Amino acid sequence: MTERIWRCGDHSLTLGGRTLVMGIVNVTPDSFSDGGMFDDAGAAVAHGAQLVDEGADLVDIGGESTRPGADPVPQEEERRRVLPVIEGLHAHRPDLPISIDTRHRRSRPMRWPPARRW
């Protein structure tokens, strides 16, 4: 099987050799999957690090619940929720590819200050 490389910013993940695992961290008070256990930035960073310790190849951070009936979250609130988690994970795991689950185009990391590279 031919290996393919998935480039994610400064990170590269090799595809084809094995199944990659994405850890999910929901930073919402009303998450349907974890009941809001990680809506505190410190708890979310610790959970993300634990997911990596358990084998996650990359971590996805979400700041808006997609459960049925959930209220939309304004962009600034989403940023308030996810930015400290992204910064904390990056500080503890600088080589970790991190993604953001967002519907807000301006919440993506490329829109954050350029000195911050994830």
PDB file of N, CA and C in Angstrom:
ATOM      1  N   MET A   1       0.836  -1.172   0.000  1.00  0.00           N
ATOM      2  CA  MET A   1       0.000   0.000   0.000  1.00  0.00           C
ATOM      3  C   MET A   1       0.884   1.241   0.000  1.00  0.00           C
ATOM      4  N   THR A   2       0.528   2.198  -0.810  1.00  0.00           N
ATOM      5  CA  THR A   2       1.291   3.433  -0.905  1.00  0.00           C
ATOM      6  C   THR A   2       0.923   4.356   0.246  1.00  0.00           C
ATOM      7  N   GLU A   3       1.932   4.887   0.903  1.00  0.00           N
ATOM      8  CA  GLU A   3       1.682   5.842   1.980  1.00  0.00           C
ATOM      9  C   GLU A   3       1.346   7.204   1.396  1.00  0.00           C
ATOM     10  N   ARG A   4       0.445   7.877   2.040  1.00  0.00           N
ATOM     11  CA  ARG A   4       0.123   9.254   1.688  1.00  0.00           C
ATOM     12  C   ARG A   4       0.357  10.103   2.922  1.00  0.00           C
ATOM     13  N   ILE A   5       0.670  11.352   2.706  1.00  0.00           N
ATOM     14  CA  ILE A   5       0.947  12.282   3.799  1.00  0.00           C
ATOM     15  C   ILE A   5      -0.174  13.304   3.853  1.00  0.00           C
ATOM     16  N   TRP A   6      -0.733  13.478   5.045  1.00  0.00           N
ATOM     17  CA  TRP A   6      -1.754  14.491   5.284  1.00  0.00           C
ATOM     18  C   TRP A   6      -1.052  15.627   6.019  1.00  0.00           C
ATOM     19  N   ARG A   7      -0.919  16.751   5.378  1.00  0.00           N
ATOM     20  CA  ARG A   7      -0.245  17.904   5.976  1.00  0.00           C
ATOM     21  C   ARG A   7      -1.280  18.782   6.665  1.00  0.00           C
ATOM     22  N   CYS A   8      -1.014  19.070   7.923  1.00  0.00           N
ATOM     23  CA  CYS A   8      -1.904  19.884   8.761  1.00  0.00           C
ATOM     24  C   CYS A   8      -1.070  21.019   9.331  1.00  0.00           C
ATOM     25  N   GLY A   9      -1.039  22.149   8.640  1.00  0.00           N
ATOM     26  CA  GLY A   9      -0.193  23.241   9.095  1.00  0.00           C
ATOM     27  C   GLY A   9       1.257  22.794   9.115  1.00  0.00           C
ATOM     28  N   ASP A  10       1.887  22.858  10.282  1.00  0.00           N
ATOM     29  CA  ASP A  10       3.274  22.438  10.432  1.00  0.00           C
ATOM     30  C   ASP A  10       3.414  20.939  10.699  1.00  0.00           C
ATOM     31  N   HIS A  11       2.292  20.233  10.772  1.00  0.00           N
ATOM     32  CA  HIS A  11       2.301  18.815  11.119  1.00  0.00           C
ATOM     33  C   HIS A  11       2.046  17.958   9.891  1.00  0.00           C
ATOM     34  N   SER A  12       2.546  16.730   9.940  1.00  0.00           N
ATOM     35  CA  SER A  12       2.299  15.752   8.889  1.00  0.00           C
ATOM     36  C   SER A  12       1.884  14.443   9.531  1.00  0.00           C
ATOM     37  N   LEU A  13       0.843  13.841   8.987  1.00  0.00           N
ATOM     38  CA  LEU A  13       0.395  12.536   9.448  1.00  0.00           C
ATOM     39  C   LEU A  13       0.477  11.568   8.274  1.00  0.00           C
ATOM     40  N   THR A  14       1.060  10.404   8.509  1.00  0.00           N
ATOM     41  CA  THR A  14       1.184   9.396   7.468  1.00  0.00           C
ATOM     42  C   THR A  14      -0.100   8.581   7.415  1.00  0.00           C
ATOM     43  N   LEU A  15      -0.689   8.522   6.235  1.00  0.00           N
ATOM     44  CA  LEU A  15      -1.919   7.772   6.031  1.00  0.00           C
ATOM     45  C   LEU A  15      -1.608   6.446   5.353  1.00  0.00           C
ATOM     46  N   GLY A  16      -2.375   5.428   5.678  1.00  0.00           N
ATOM     47  CA  GLY A  16      -2.253   4.151   4.983  1.00  0.00           C
ATOM     48  C   GLY A  16      -1.557   3.059   5.753  1.00  0.00           C
ATOM     49  N   GLY A  17      -0.690   3.410   6.673  1.00  0.00           N
ATOM     50  CA  GLY A  17       0.030   2.393   7.437  1.00  0.00           C
ATOM     51  C   GLY A  17      -0.809   1.783   8.541  1.00  0.00           C
ATOM     52  N   ARG A  18      -1.610   2.600   9.177  1.00  0.00           N
ATOM     53  CA  ARG A  18      -2.502   2.152  10.252  1.00  0.00           C
ATOM     54  C   ARG A  18      -3.639   3.165  10.362  1.00  0.00           C
ATOM     55  N   THR A  19      -4.658   2.800  11.086  1.00  0.00           N
ATOM     56  CA  THR A  19      -5.774   3.712  11.317  1.00  0.00           C
ATOM     57  C   THR A  19      -5.342   4.789  12.302  1.00  0.00           C
ATOM     58  N   LEU A  20      -5.578   6.043  11.951  1.00  0.00           N
ATOM     59  CA  LEU A  20      -5.269   7.148  12.857  1.00  0.00           C
ATOM     60  C   LEU A  20      -6.470   7.395  13.762  1.00  0.00           C
ATOM     61  N   VAL A  21      -6.204   7.873  14.964  1.00  0.00           N
ATOM     62  CA  VAL A  21      -7.254   8.120  15.945  1.00  0.00           C
ATOM     63  C   VAL A  21      -7.297   9.604  16.268  1.00  0.00           C
ATOM     64  N   MET A  22      -8.505  10.182  16.184  1.00  0.00           N
ATOM     65  CA  MET A  22      -8.708  11.579  16.564  1.00  0.00           C
ATOM     66  C   MET A  22      -9.412  11.605  17.916  1.00  0.00           C
ATOM     67  N   GLY A  23      -8.791  12.261  18.886  1.00  0.00           N
ATOM     68  CA  GLY A  23      -9.430  12.472  20.173  1.00  0.00           C
ATOM     69  C   GLY A  23     -10.322  13.693  20.093  1.00  0.00           C
ATOM     70  N   ILE A  24     -11.480  13.634  20.715  1.00  0.00           N
ATOM     71  CA  ILE A  24     -12.451  14.727  20.685  1.00  0.00           C
ATOM     72  C   ILE A  24     -12.568  15.328  22.081  1.00  0.00           C
ATOM     73  N   VAL A  25     -12.422  16.647  22.167  1.00  0.00           N
ATOM     74  CA  VAL A  25     -12.606  17.360  23.429  1.00  0.00           C
ATOM     75  C   VAL A  25     -13.710  18.389  23.213  1.00  0.00           C
ATOM     76  N   ASN A  26     -14.835  18.186  23.896  1.00  0.00           N
ATOM     77  CA  ASN A  26     -15.953  19.124  23.817  1.00  0.00           C
ATOM     78  C   ASN A  26     -15.865  20.093  24.982  1.00  0.00           C
ATOM     79  N   VAL A  27     -15.728  21.367  24.659  1.00  0.00           N
ATOM     80  CA  VAL A  27     -15.590  22.399  25.680  1.00  0.00           C
ATOM     81  C   VAL A  27     -16.916  23.151  25.757  1.00  0.00           C
ATOM     82  N   THR A  28     -17.959  22.403  26.101  1.00  0.00           N
ATOM     83  CA  THR A  28     -19.302  22.972  26.151  1.00  0.00           C
ATOM     84  C   THR A  28     -19.985  22.526  27.438  1.00  0.00           C
ATOM     85  N   PRO A  29     -20.814  23.378  28.009  1.00  0.00           N
ATOM     86  CA  PRO A  29     -21.503  22.988  29.239  1.00  0.00           C
ATOM     87  C   PRO A  29     -22.627  21.989  28.995  1.00  0.00           C
ATOM     88  N   ASP A  30     -23.047  21.835  27.730  1.00  0.00           N
ATOM     89  CA  ASP A  30     -24.197  20.974  27.425  1.00  0.00           C
ATOM     90  C   ASP A  30     -23.864  19.891  26.408  1.00  0.00           C
ATOM     91  N   SER A  31     -22.656  19.388  26.428  1.00  0.00           N
ATOM     92  CA  SER A  31     -22.236  18.372  25.464  1.00  0.00           C
ATOM     93  C   SER A  31     -23.070  17.108  25.631  1.00  0.00           C
ATOM     94  N   PHE A  32     -23.546  16.565  24.514  1.00  0.00           N
ATOM     95  CA  PHE A  32     -24.335  15.334  24.583  1.00  0.00           C
ATOM     96  C   PHE A  32     -23.466  14.112  24.835  1.00  0.00           C
ATOM     97  N   SER A  33     -22.179  14.196  24.534  1.00  0.00           N
ATOM     98  CA  SER A  33     -21.328  13.012  24.671  1.00  0.00           C
ATOM     99  C   SER A  33     -20.681  12.883  26.050  1.00  0.00           C
ATOM    100  N   ASP A  34     -20.432  13.994  26.717  1.00  0.00           N
ATOM    101  CA  ASP A  34     -19.761  13.891  28.020  1.00  0.00           C
ATOM    102  C   ASP A  34     -20.469  14.674  29.120  1.00  0.00           C
ATOM    103  N   GLY A  35     -21.619  15.239  28.810  1.00  0.00           N
ATOM    104  CA  GLY A  35     -22.392  15.927  29.838  1.00  0.00           C
ATOM    105  C   GLY A  35     -21.755  17.194  30.365  1.00  0.00           C
ATOM    106  N   GLY A  36     -20.849  17.791  29.612  1.00  0.00           N
ATOM    107  CA  GLY A  36     -20.214  19.037  30.037  1.00  0.00           C
ATOM    108  C   GLY A  36     -19.063  18.845  31.006  1.00  0.00           C
ATOM    109  N   MET A  37     -18.467  17.662  31.030  1.00  0.00           N
ATOM    110  CA  MET A  37     -17.382  17.382  31.974  1.00  0.00           C
ATOM    111  C   MET A  37     -16.130  18.216  31.730  1.00  0.00           C
ATOM    112  N   PHE A  38     -15.963  18.745  30.513  1.00  0.00           N
ATOM    113  CA  PHE A  38     -14.716  19.415  30.175  1.00  0.00           C
ATOM    114  C   PHE A  38     -14.940  20.854  29.738  1.00  0.00           C
ATOM    115  N   ASP A  39     -15.934  21.531  30.331  1.00  0.00           N
ATOM    116  CA  ASP A  39     -16.172  22.927  29.954  1.00  0.00           C
ATOM    117  C   ASP A  39     -15.223  23.882  30.664  1.00  0.00           C
ATOM    118  N   ASP A  40     -14.399  23.361  31.564  1.00  0.00           N
ATOM    119  CA  ASP A  40     -13.329  24.124  32.203  1.00  0.00           C
ATOM    120  C   ASP A  40     -12.054  23.898  31.393  1.00  0.00           C
ATOM    121  N   ALA A  41     -11.316  24.973  31.080  1.00  0.00           N
ATOM    122  CA  ALA A  41     -10.127  24.855  30.226  1.00  0.00           C
ATOM    123  C   ALA A  41      -9.102  23.873  30.797  1.00  0.00           C
ATOM    124  N   GLY A  42      -8.847  23.931  32.085  1.00  0.00           N
ATOM    125  CA  GLY A  42      -7.866  23.024  32.687  1.00  0.00           C
ATOM    126  C   GLY A  42      -8.271  21.566  32.551  1.00  0.00           C
ATOM    127  N   ALA A  43      -9.544  21.278  32.800  1.00  0.00           N
ATOM    128  CA  ALA A  43     -10.041  19.905  32.658  1.00  0.00           C
ATOM    129  C   ALA A  43      -9.974  19.457  31.204  1.00  0.00           C
ATOM    130  N   ALA A  44     -10.273  20.369  30.282  1.00  0.00           N
ATOM    131  CA  ALA A  44     -10.239  20.036  28.860  1.00  0.00           C
ATOM    132  C   ALA A  44      -8.810  19.755  28.387  1.00  0.00           C
ATOM    133  N   VAL A  45      -7.852  20.549  28.843  1.00  0.00           N
ATOM    134  CA  VAL A  45      -6.449  20.321  28.479  1.00  0.00           C
ATOM    135  C   VAL A  45      -5.985  18.973  29.030  1.00  0.00           C
ATOM    136  N   ALA A  46      -6.315  18.700  30.274  1.00  0.00           N
ATOM    137  CA  ALA A  46      -5.929  17.419  30.877  1.00  0.00           C
ATOM    138  C   ALA A  46      -6.559  16.253  30.120  1.00  0.00           C
ATOM    139  N   HIS A  47      -7.815  16.405  29.724  1.00  0.00           N
ATOM    140  CA  HIS A  47      -8.489  15.347  28.976  1.00  0.00           C
ATOM    141  C   HIS A  47      -7.828  15.142  27.612  1.00  0.00           C
ATOM    142  N   GLY A  48      -7.508  16.234  26.925  1.00  0.00           N
ATOM    143  CA  GLY A  48      -6.832  16.138  25.635  1.00  0.00           C
ATOM    144  C   GLY A  48      -5.493  15.428  25.760  1.00  0.00           C
ATOM    145  N   ALA A  49      -4.727  15.764  26.787  1.00  0.00           N
ATOM    146  CA  ALA A  49      -3.428  15.108  27.019  1.00  0.00           C
ATOM    147  C   ALA A  49      -3.622  13.625  27.318  1.00  0.00           C
ATOM    148  N   GLN A  50      -4.661  13.299  28.083  1.00  0.00           N
ATOM    149  CA  GLN A  50      -4.955  11.902  28.382  1.00  0.00           C
ATOM    150  C   GLN A  50      -5.307  11.138  27.104  1.00  0.00           C
ATOM    151  N   LEU A  51      -6.077  11.760  26.217  1.00  0.00           N
ATOM    152  CA  LEU A  51      -6.425  11.111  24.949  1.00  0.00           C
ATOM    153  C   LEU A  51      -5.170  10.791  24.139  1.00  0.00           C
ATOM    154  N   VAL A  52      -4.218  11.712  24.142  1.00  0.00           N
ATOM    155  CA  VAL A  52      -2.955  11.474  23.430  1.00  0.00           C
ATOM    156  C   VAL A  52      -2.184  10.339  24.106  1.00  0.00           C
ATOM    157  N   ASP A  53      -2.127  10.357  25.431  1.00  0.00           N
ATOM    158  CA  ASP A  53      -1.445   9.278  26.160  1.00  0.00           C
ATOM    159  C   ASP A  53      -2.064   7.920  25.842  1.00  0.00           C
ATOM    160  N   GLU A  54      -3.375   7.924  25.563  1.00  0.00           N
ATOM    161  CA  GLU A  54      -4.087   6.672  25.266  1.00  0.00           C
ATOM    162  C   GLU A  54      -4.058   6.314  23.782  1.00  0.00           C
ATOM    163  N   GLY A  55      -3.380   7.139  22.957  1.00  0.00           N
ATOM    164  CA  GLY A  55      -3.192   6.750  21.569  1.00  0.00           C
ATOM    165  C   GLY A  55      -3.730   7.678  20.501  1.00  0.00           C
ATOM    166  N   ALA A  56      -4.362   8.788  20.865  1.00  0.00           N
ATOM    167  CA  ALA A  56      -4.865   9.712  19.841  1.00  0.00           C
ATOM    168  C   ALA A  56      -3.696  10.324  19.075  1.00  0.00           C
ATOM    169  N   ASP A  57      -3.850  10.399  17.762  1.00  0.00           N
ATOM    170  CA  ASP A  57      -2.816  10.977  16.901  1.00  0.00           C
ATOM    171  C   ASP A  57      -2.993  12.479  16.729  1.00  0.00           C
ATOM    172  N   LEU A  58      -4.196  12.969  16.896  1.00  0.00           N
ATOM    173  CA  LEU A  58      -4.518  14.382  16.832  1.00  0.00           C
ATOM    174  C   LEU A  58      -5.734  14.612  17.705  1.00  0.00           C
ATOM    175  N   VAL A  59      -5.975  15.866  18.070  1.00  0.00           N
ATOM    176  CA  VAL A  59      -7.093  16.196  18.951  1.00  0.00           C
ATOM    177  C   VAL A  59      -7.916  17.299  18.308  1.00  0.00           C
ATOM    178  N   ASP A  60      -9.226  17.120  18.343  1.00  0.00           N
ATOM    179  CA  ASP A  60     -10.187  18.087  17.810  1.00  0.00           C
ATOM    180  C   ASP A  60     -10.890  18.747  18.989  1.00  0.00           C
ATOM    181  N   ILE A  61     -10.933  20.084  18.981  1.00  0.00           N
ATOM    182  CA  ILE A  61     -11.547  20.848  20.060  1.00  0.00           C
ATOM    183  C   ILE A  61     -12.845  21.464  19.547  1.00  0.00           C
ATOM    184  N   GLY A  62     -13.931  21.269  20.270  1.00  0.00           N
ATOM    185  CA  GLY A  62     -15.219  21.840  19.886  1.00  0.00           C
ATOM    186  C   GLY A  62     -15.778  22.713  20.989  1.00  0.00           C
ATOM    187  N   GLY A  63     -16.270  23.890  20.624  1.00  0.00           N
ATOM    188  CA  GLY A  63     -16.814  24.830  21.601  1.00  0.00           C
ATOM    189  C   GLY A  63     -18.289  25.120  21.445  1.00  0.00           C
ATOM    190  N   GLU A  64     -18.979  24.308  20.623  1.00  0.00           N
ATOM    191  CA  GLU A  64     -20.416  24.499  20.413  1.00  0.00           C
ATOM    192  C   GLU A  64     -21.071  23.125  20.309  1.00  0.00           C
ATOM    193  N   SER A  65     -22.077  22.901  21.107  1.00  0.00           N
ATOM    194  CA  SER A  65     -22.770  21.620  21.091  1.00  0.00           C
ATOM    195  C   SER A  65     -23.565  21.457  19.801  1.00  0.00           C
ATOM    196  N   THR A  66     -23.545  20.254  19.251  1.00  0.00           N
ATOM    197  CA  THR A  66     -24.353  19.949  18.072  1.00  0.00           C
ATOM    198  C   THR A  66     -25.491  18.997  18.422  1.00  0.00           C
ATOM    199  N   ARG A  67     -25.767  18.850  19.711  1.00  0.00           N
ATOM    200  CA  ARG A  67     -26.878  17.983  20.100  1.00  0.00           C
ATOM    201  C   ARG A  67     -28.186  18.587  19.592  1.00  0.00           C
ATOM    202  N   PRO A  68     -29.184  17.763  19.320  1.00  0.00           N
ATOM    203  CA  PRO A  68     -30.475  18.290  18.858  1.00  0.00           C
ATOM    204  C   PRO A  68     -31.059  19.285  19.858  1.00  0.00           C
ATOM    205  N   GLY A  69     -31.477  20.428  19.357  1.00  0.00           N
ATOM    206  CA  GLY A  69     -32.090  21.458  20.189  1.00  0.00           C
ATOM    207  C   GLY A  69     -31.112  22.398  20.871  1.00  0.00           C
ATOM    208  N   ALA A  70     -29.819  22.203  20.672  1.00  0.00           N
ATOM    209  CA  ALA A  70     -28.826  23.080  21.314  1.00  0.00           C
ATOM    210  C   ALA A  70     -28.908  24.478  20.721  1.00  0.00           C
ATOM    211  N   ASP A  71     -28.752  25.477  21.573  1.00  0.00           N
ATOM    212  CA  ASP A  71     -28.735  26.865  21.105  1.00  0.00           C
ATOM    213  C   ASP A  71     -27.413  27.152  20.396  1.00  0.00           C
ATOM    214  N   PRO A  72     -27.467  27.933  19.314  1.00  0.00           N
ATOM    215  CA  PRO A  72     -26.220  28.337  18.652  1.00  0.00           C
ATOM    216  C   PRO A  72     -25.343  29.151  19.603  1.00  0.00           C
ATOM    217  N   VAL A  73     -24.048  29.026  19.418  1.00  0.00           N
ATOM    218  CA  VAL A  73     -23.089  29.754  20.252  1.00  0.00           C
ATOM    219  C   VAL A  73     -22.445  30.849  19.402  1.00  0.00           C
ATOM    220  N   PRO A  74     -22.483  32.097  19.873  1.00  0.00           N
ATOM    221  CA  PRO A  74     -21.826  33.170  19.121  1.00  0.00           C
ATOM    222  C   PRO A  74     -20.326  32.908  18.976  1.00  0.00           C
ATOM    223  N   GLN A  75     -19.772  33.417  17.922  1.00  0.00           N
ATOM    224  CA  GLN A  75     -18.361  33.202  17.607  1.00  0.00           C
ATOM    225  C   GLN A  75     -17.447  33.592  18.758  1.00  0.00           C
ATOM    226  N   GLU A  76     -17.666  34.729  19.372  1.00  0.00           N
ATOM    227  CA  GLU A  76     -16.772  35.170  20.454  1.00  0.00           C
ATOM    228  C   GLU A  76     -16.835  34.236  21.658  1.00  0.00           C
ATOM    229  N   GLU A  77     -18.012  33.688  21.955  1.00  0.00           N
ATOM    230  CA  GLU A  77     -18.132  32.726  23.050  1.00  0.00           C
ATOM    231  C   GLU A  77     -17.387  31.437  22.705  1.00  0.00           C
ATOM    232  N   GLU A  78     -17.525  31.000  21.465  1.00  0.00           N
ATOM    233  CA  GLU A  78     -16.804  29.803  21.043  1.00  0.00           C
ATOM    234  C   GLU A  78     -15.297  30.016  21.188  1.00  0.00           C
ATOM    235  N   ARG A  79     -14.809  31.144  20.744  1.00  0.00           N
ATOM    236  CA  ARG A  79     -13.378  31.450  20.872  1.00  0.00           C
ATOM    237  C   ARG A  79     -12.957  31.488  22.333  1.00  0.00           C
ATOM    238  N   ARG A  80     -13.784  32.067  23.199  1.00  0.00           N
ATOM    239  CA  ARG A  80     -13.482  32.127  24.633  1.00  0.00           C
ATOM    240  C   ARG A  80     -13.348  30.717  25.210  1.00  0.00           C
ATOM    241  N   ARG A  81     -14.145  29.804  24.715  1.00  0.00           N
ATOM    242  CA  ARG A  81     -14.107  28.430  25.208  1.00  0.00           C
ATOM    243  C   ARG A  81     -12.897  27.657  24.688  1.00  0.00           C
ATOM    244  N   VAL A  82     -12.622  27.756  23.404  1.00  0.00           N
ATOM    245  CA  VAL A  82     -11.620  26.862  22.806  1.00  0.00           C
ATOM    246  C   VAL A  82     -10.195  27.392  22.833  1.00  0.00           C
ATOM    247  N   LEU A  83     -10.013  28.697  22.757  1.00  0.00           N
ATOM    248  CA  LEU A  83      -8.649  29.233  22.672  1.00  0.00           C
ATOM    249  C   LEU A  83      -7.770  28.828  23.850  1.00  0.00           C
ATOM    250  N   PRO A  84      -8.234  28.925  25.101  1.00  0.00           N
ATOM    251  CA  PRO A  84      -7.358  28.491  26.204  1.00  0.00           C
ATOM    252  C   PRO A  84      -7.018  27.000  26.152  1.00  0.00           C
ATOM    253  N   VAL A  85      -7.925  26.210  25.609  1.00  0.00           N
ATOM    254  CA  VAL A  85      -7.667  24.773  25.507  1.00  0.00           C
ATOM    255  C   VAL A  85      -6.618  24.508  24.433  1.00  0.00           C
ATOM    256  N   ILE A  86      -6.751  25.160  23.302  1.00  0.00           N
ATOM    257  CA  ILE A  86      -5.763  25.003  22.232  1.00  0.00           C
ATOM    258  C   ILE A  86      -4.395  25.461  22.721  1.00  0.00           C
ATOM    259  N   GLU A  87      -4.348  26.620  23.373  1.00  0.00           N
ATOM    260  CA  GLU A  87      -3.065  27.126  23.879  1.00  0.00           C
ATOM    261  C   GLU A  87      -2.470  26.190  24.923  1.00  0.00           C
ATOM    262  N   GLY A  88      -3.316  25.682  25.821  1.00  0.00           N
ATOM    263  CA  GLY A  88      -2.835  24.775  26.869  1.00  0.00           C
ATOM    264  C   GLY A  88      -2.316  23.466  26.311  1.00  0.00           C
ATOM    265  N   LEU A  89      -3.055  22.878  25.365  1.00  0.00           N
ATOM    266  CA  LEU A  89      -2.587  21.640  24.746  1.00  0.00           C
ATOM    267  C   LEU A  89      -1.293  21.865  23.979  1.00  0.00           C
ATOM    268  N   HIS A  90      -1.231  22.977  23.267  1.00  0.00           N
ATOM    269  CA  HIS A  90      -0.017  23.274  22.504  1.00  0.00           C
ATOM    270  C   HIS A  90       1.186  23.470  23.433  1.00  0.00           C
ATOM    271  N   ALA A  91       0.965  24.095  24.577  1.00  0.00           N
ATOM    272  CA  ALA A  91       2.061  24.299  25.537  1.00  0.00           C
ATOM    273  C   ALA A  91       2.576  22.962  26.087  1.00  0.00           C
ATOM    274  N   HIS A  92       1.670  22.024  26.340  1.00  0.00           N
ATOM    275  CA  HIS A  92       2.050  20.723  26.897  1.00  0.00           C
ATOM    276  C   HIS A  92       2.492  19.726  25.834  1.00  0.00           C
ATOM    277  N   ARG A  93       1.954  19.864  24.637  1.00  0.00           N
ATOM    278  CA  ARG A  93       2.241  18.924  23.543  1.00  0.00           C
ATOM    279  C   ARG A  93       2.477  19.709  22.250  1.00  0.00           C
ATOM    280  N   PRO A  94       3.617  20.375  22.121  1.00  0.00           N
ATOM    281  CA  PRO A  94       3.846  21.240  20.960  1.00  0.00           C
ATOM    282  C   PRO A  94       3.836  20.519  19.614  1.00  0.00           C
ATOM    283  N   ASP A  95       4.071  19.215  19.606  1.00  0.00           N
ATOM    284  CA  ASP A  95       4.082  18.474  18.343  1.00  0.00           C
ATOM    285  C   ASP A  95       2.721  17.869  18.002  1.00  0.00           C
ATOM    286  N   LEU A  96       1.715  18.125  18.808  1.00  0.00           N
ATOM    287  CA  LEU A  96       0.393  17.544  18.607  1.00  0.00           C
ATOM    288  C   LEU A  96      -0.400  18.322  17.560  1.00  0.00           C
ATOM    289  N   PRO A  97      -0.884  17.650  16.516  1.00  0.00           N
ATOM    290  CA  PRO A  97      -1.811  18.324  15.597  1.00  0.00           C
ATOM    291  C   PRO A  97      -3.146  18.561  16.309  1.00  0.00           C
ATOM    292  N   ILE A  98      -3.626  19.798  16.247  1.00  0.00           N
ATOM    293  CA  ILE A  98      -4.878  20.188  16.896  1.00  0.00           C
ATOM    294  C   ILE A  98      -5.790  20.782  15.836  1.00  0.00           C
ATOM    295  N   SER A  99      -7.049  20.346  15.849  1.00  0.00           N
ATOM    296  CA  SER A  99      -8.039  20.939  14.948  1.00  0.00           C
ATOM    297  C   SER A  99      -9.156  21.552  15.774  1.00  0.00           C
ATOM    298  N   ILE A 100      -9.944  22.399  15.138  1.00  0.00           N
ATOM    299  CA  ILE A 100     -11.088  23.003  15.803  1.00  0.00           C
ATOM    300  C   ILE A 100     -12.341  22.644  15.011  1.00  0.00           C
ATOM    301  N   ASP A 101     -13.354  22.194  15.731  1.00  0.00           N
ATOM    302  CA  ASP A 101     -14.646  21.860  15.144  1.00  0.00           C
ATOM    303  C   ASP A 101     -15.502  23.119  15.272  1.00  0.00           C
ATOM    304  N   THR A 102     -15.715  23.792  14.164  1.00  0.00           N
ATOM    305  CA  THR A 102     -16.442  25.059  14.203  1.00  0.00           C
ATOM    306  C   THR A 102     -17.247  25.269  12.928  1.00  0.00           C
ATOM    307  N   ARG A 103     -18.302  26.029  13.064  1.00  0.00           N
ATOM    308  CA  ARG A 103     -19.054  26.466  11.888  1.00  0.00           C
ATOM    309  C   ARG A 103     -18.739  27.928  11.583  1.00  0.00           C
ATOM    310  N   HIS A 104     -17.991  28.564  12.490  1.00  0.00           N
ATOM    311  CA  HIS A 104     -17.624  29.968  12.336  1.00  0.00           C
ATOM    312  C   HIS A 104     -16.298  30.070  11.591  1.00  0.00           C
ATOM    313  N   ARG A 105     -16.336  30.592  10.447  1.00  0.00           N
ATOM    314  CA  ARG A 105     -15.138  30.713   9.627  1.00  0.00           C
ATOM    315  C   ARG A 105     -14.027  31.470  10.349  1.00  0.00           C
ATOM    316  N   ARG A 106     -14.362  32.461  11.126  1.00  0.00           N
ATOM    317  CA  ARG A 106     -13.333  33.266  11.804  1.00  0.00           C
ATOM    318  C   ARG A 106     -12.850  32.664  13.115  1.00  0.00           C
ATOM    319  N   SER A 107     -13.383  31.531  13.501  1.00  0.00           N
ATOM    320  CA  SER A 107     -12.883  30.857  14.697  1.00  0.00           C
ATOM    321  C   SER A 107     -11.724  29.933  14.390  1.00  0.00           C
ATOM    322  N   ARG A 108     -11.480  29.676  13.135  1.00  0.00           N
ATOM    323  CA  ARG A 108     -10.383  28.778  12.769  1.00  0.00           C
ATOM    324  C   ARG A 108      -9.054  29.396  13.193  1.00  0.00           C
ATOM    325  N   PRO A 109      -8.093  28.556  13.588  1.00  0.00           N
ATOM    326  CA  PRO A 109      -6.801  29.067  14.054  1.00  0.00           C
ATOM    327  C   PRO A 109      -6.103  30.008  13.090  1.00  0.00           C
ATOM    328  N   MET A 110      -6.281  29.829  11.779  1.00  0.00           N
ATOM    329  CA  MET A 110      -5.584  30.718  10.848  1.00  0.00           C
ATOM    330  C   MET A 110      -6.050  32.158  11.003  1.00  0.00           C
ATOM    331  N   ARG A 111      -7.172  32.368  11.630  1.00  0.00           N
ATOM    332  CA  ARG A 111      -7.687  33.716  11.843  1.00  0.00           C
ATOM    333  C   ARG A 111      -7.225  34.304  13.177  1.00  0.00           C
ATOM    334  N   TRP A 112      -6.595  33.476  13.990  1.00  0.00           N
ATOM    335  CA  TRP A 112      -6.094  33.967  15.269  1.00  0.00           C
ATOM    336  C   TRP A 112      -4.751  34.617  15.038  1.00  0.00           C
ATOM    337  N   PRO A 113      -4.220  35.312  16.013  1.00  0.00           N
ATOM    338  CA  PRO A 113      -2.951  36.014  15.803  1.00  0.00           C
ATOM    339  C   PRO A 113      -1.895  35.101  15.177  1.00  0.00           C
ATOM    340  N   PRO A 114      -1.185  35.583  14.161  1.00  0.00           N
ATOM    341  CA  PRO A 114      -0.250  34.750  13.418  1.00  0.00           C
ATOM    342  C   PRO A 114       0.881  34.158  14.237  1.00  0.00           C
ATOM    343  N   ALA A 115       1.190  34.741  15.386  1.00  0.00           N
ATOM    344  CA  ALA A 115       2.268  34.178  16.216  1.00  0.00           C
ATOM    345  C   ALA A 115       1.861  32.824  16.776  1.00  0.00           C
ATOM    346  N   ARG A 116       0.565  32.565  16.845  1.00  0.00           N
ATOM    347  CA  ARG A 116       0.078  31.286  17.351  1.00  0.00           C
ATOM    348  C   ARG A 116      -0.067  30.335  16.177  1.00  0.00           C
ATOM    349  N   ARG A 117       0.725  29.278  16.188  1.00  0.00           N
ATOM    350  CA  ARG A 117       0.665  28.302  15.087  1.00  0.00           C
ATOM    351  C   ARG A 117       0.342  26.942  15.641  1.00  0.00           C
ATOM    352  N   TRP A 118      -0.769  26.401  15.209  1.00  0.00           N
ATOM    353  CA  TRP A 118      -1.134  25.052  15.626  1.00  0.00           C
ATOM    354  C   TRP A 118      -1.182  24.219  14.412  1.00  0.00           C
TER     355      TRP A 118
END
